[in-house]
Amino acid sequence: MATHPQLPLTPEEVAELHRLIAWTGLEEPEALHKLVEAGLAALRLEAALHLYATAPLSTGEIAEQTGIPRGQLIRTIQERRVAPYEDPTIDQPALYRDLDERLKRRVARWKGQA
């Protein structure tokens, strides 16, 4: 079995942990395993949100790296209004102008006007 870091808990946290474990009807090791799994899932999500805001990665890449489903990541990004990473070396207005021009050309081709 792998070793784990010690988690300092307050007396109130220990009391609540014991109370909740008793209510689950689970053996303590199984209940603690569920607690760790749930905590890791929450930590994965926080890591994914941090990567979205600080790294030039797509939501798909972030989901793959962190093990978070992409749909869940996108929903949480929207719910929390997390701003995406903006590369300081990219001229944002020029990028948006270019994207608008590309969209106009595609729409014109689609309508048979180009």
Protein backbone atom coordinates (compact mmCIF):
# COMPACT_ATOMS: atom_id res chain seq x y z
CA MET A 1 0.00 0.00 0.00
CA ALA A 2 1.26 3.47 -0.87
CA THR A 3 1.98 5.99 1.82
CA HIS A 4 -0.05 9.14 2.02
CA PRO A 5 0.48 12.61 3.44
CA GLN A 6 -0.96 13.33 6.82
CA LEU A 7 -3.98 15.60 6.73
CA PRO A 8 -4.26 17.88 9.72
CA LEU A 9 -7.89 18.01 10.78
CA THR A 10 -9.51 20.15 13.41
CA PRO A 11 -11.38 18.40 16.22
CA GLU A 12 -14.64 19.60 14.62
CA GLU A 13 -13.66 18.05 11.27
CA VAL A 14 -12.76 14.76 12.95
CA ALA A 15 -16.09 14.71 14.79
CA GLU A 16 -18.02 15.43 11.59
CA LEU A 17 -16.04 12.79 9.71
CA HIS A 18 -16.84 10.14 12.33
CA ARG A 19 -20.50 11.20 12.40
CA LEU A 20 -20.83 10.99 8.61
CA ILE A 21 -19.01 7.65 8.43
CA ALA A 22 -21.40 6.25 11.04
CA TRP A 23 -24.40 7.44 9.01
CA THR A 24 -23.13 5.81 5.81
CA GLY A 25 -23.08 2.35 7.33
CA LEU A 26 -19.74 1.76 5.61
CA GLU A 27 -16.61 0.43 7.20
CA GLU A 28 -14.17 3.24 7.94
CA PRO A 29 -11.57 2.26 5.27
CA GLU A 30 -14.25 2.17 2.56
CA ALA A 31 -15.74 5.48 3.69
CA LEU A 32 -12.30 7.12 3.76
CA HIS A 33 -11.59 5.76 0.27
CA LYS A 34 -14.82 7.40 -0.98
CA LEU A 35 -13.79 10.63 0.71
CA VAL A 36 -10.40 10.59 -1.00
CA GLU A 37 -11.93 9.79 -4.40
CA ALA A 38 -14.42 12.64 -4.08
CA GLY A 39 -11.66 14.99 -2.95
CA LEU A 40 -9.45 13.99 -5.87
CA ALA A 41 -12.31 14.61 -8.29
CA ALA A 42 -12.79 18.10 -6.86
CA LEU A 43 -9.04 18.72 -7.03
CA ARG A 44 -8.93 17.52 -10.67
CA LEU A 45 -11.65 20.01 -11.53
CA GLU A 46 -9.84 22.87 -9.80
CA ALA A 47 -6.63 21.92 -11.66
CA ALA A 48 -8.53 21.89 -14.96
CA LEU A 49 -10.00 25.34 -14.29
CA HIS A 50 -6.57 26.67 -13.37
CA LEU A 51 -5.08 25.28 -16.59
CA TYR A 52 -7.90 26.83 -18.63
CA ALA A 53 -7.12 30.25 -17.14
CA THR A 54 -3.32 30.01 -17.23
CA ALA A 55 -2.21 27.77 -20.11
CA PRO A 56 -2.63 27.83 -23.89
CA LEU A 57 -4.54 24.53 -24.00
CA SER A 58 -7.91 23.60 -25.48
CA THR A 59 -10.70 22.33 -23.26
CA GLY A 60 -10.21 18.93 -24.88
CA GLU A 61 -6.52 18.87 -24.00
CA ILE A 62 -7.24 19.98 -20.45
CA ALA A 63 -9.98 17.38 -20.03
CA GLU A 64 -7.66 14.65 -21.29
CA GLN A 65 -4.79 15.69 -19.02
CA THR A 66 -6.89 16.03 -15.86
CA GLY A 67 -9.39 13.22 -16.40
CA ILE A 68 -12.37 15.58 -16.22
CA PRO A 69 -15.13 15.03 -18.81
CA ARG A 70 -14.98 17.91 -21.32
CA GLY A 71 -18.69 18.67 -20.96
CA GLN A 72 -18.36 18.99 -17.19
CA LEU A 73 -15.35 21.26 -17.66
CA ILE A 74 -17.20 23.52 -20.08
CA ARG A 75 -20.29 23.70 -17.83
CA THR A 76 -18.15 24.62 -14.83
CA ILE A 77 -16.21 27.22 -16.83
CA GLN A 78 -19.51 28.83 -17.81
CA GLU A 79 -21.04 28.57 -14.33
CA ARG A 80 -18.01 30.12 -12.66
CA ARG A 81 -17.35 32.54 -15.53
CA VAL A 82 -13.69 31.54 -15.77
CA ALA A 83 -11.82 33.65 -18.32
CA PRO A 84 -9.66 31.71 -20.76
CA TYR A 85 -5.92 32.12 -21.00
CA GLU A 86 -4.96 34.99 -23.27
CA ASP A 87 -1.56 34.77 -24.89
CA PRO A 88 0.07 38.18 -24.39
CA THR A 89 1.99 37.77 -27.66
CA ILE A 90 -1.22 37.63 -29.73
CA ASP A 91 -2.79 40.82 -31.05
CA GLN A 92 -6.38 40.12 -29.97
CA PRO A 93 -8.11 42.81 -32.09
CA ALA A 94 -6.23 41.62 -35.19
CA LEU A 95 -7.13 38.02 -34.41
CA TYR A 96 -10.83 38.86 -34.12
CA ARG A 97 -10.74 40.90 -37.34
CA ASP A 98 -9.16 37.94 -39.12
CA LEU A 99 -11.75 35.53 -37.71
CA ASP A 100 -14.58 37.87 -38.77
CA GLU A 101 -13.18 38.06 -42.30
CA ARG A 102 -12.86 34.27 -42.50
CA LEU A 103 -16.45 33.87 -41.29
CA LYS A 104 -17.70 36.36 -43.90
CA ARG A 105 -15.88 34.48 -46.67
CA ARG A 106 -17.29 31.14 -45.53
CA VAL A 107 -20.83 32.49 -45.32
CA ALA A 108 -20.47 34.01 -48.78
CA ARG A 109 -19.21 30.67 -50.18
CA TRP A 110 -22.03 28.85 -48.43
CA LYS A 111 -24.57 31.23 -49.99
CA GLY A 112 -22.86 30.79 -53.37
CA GLN A 113 -21.77 34.42 -53.54
CA ALA A 114 -18.04 33.91 -53.78
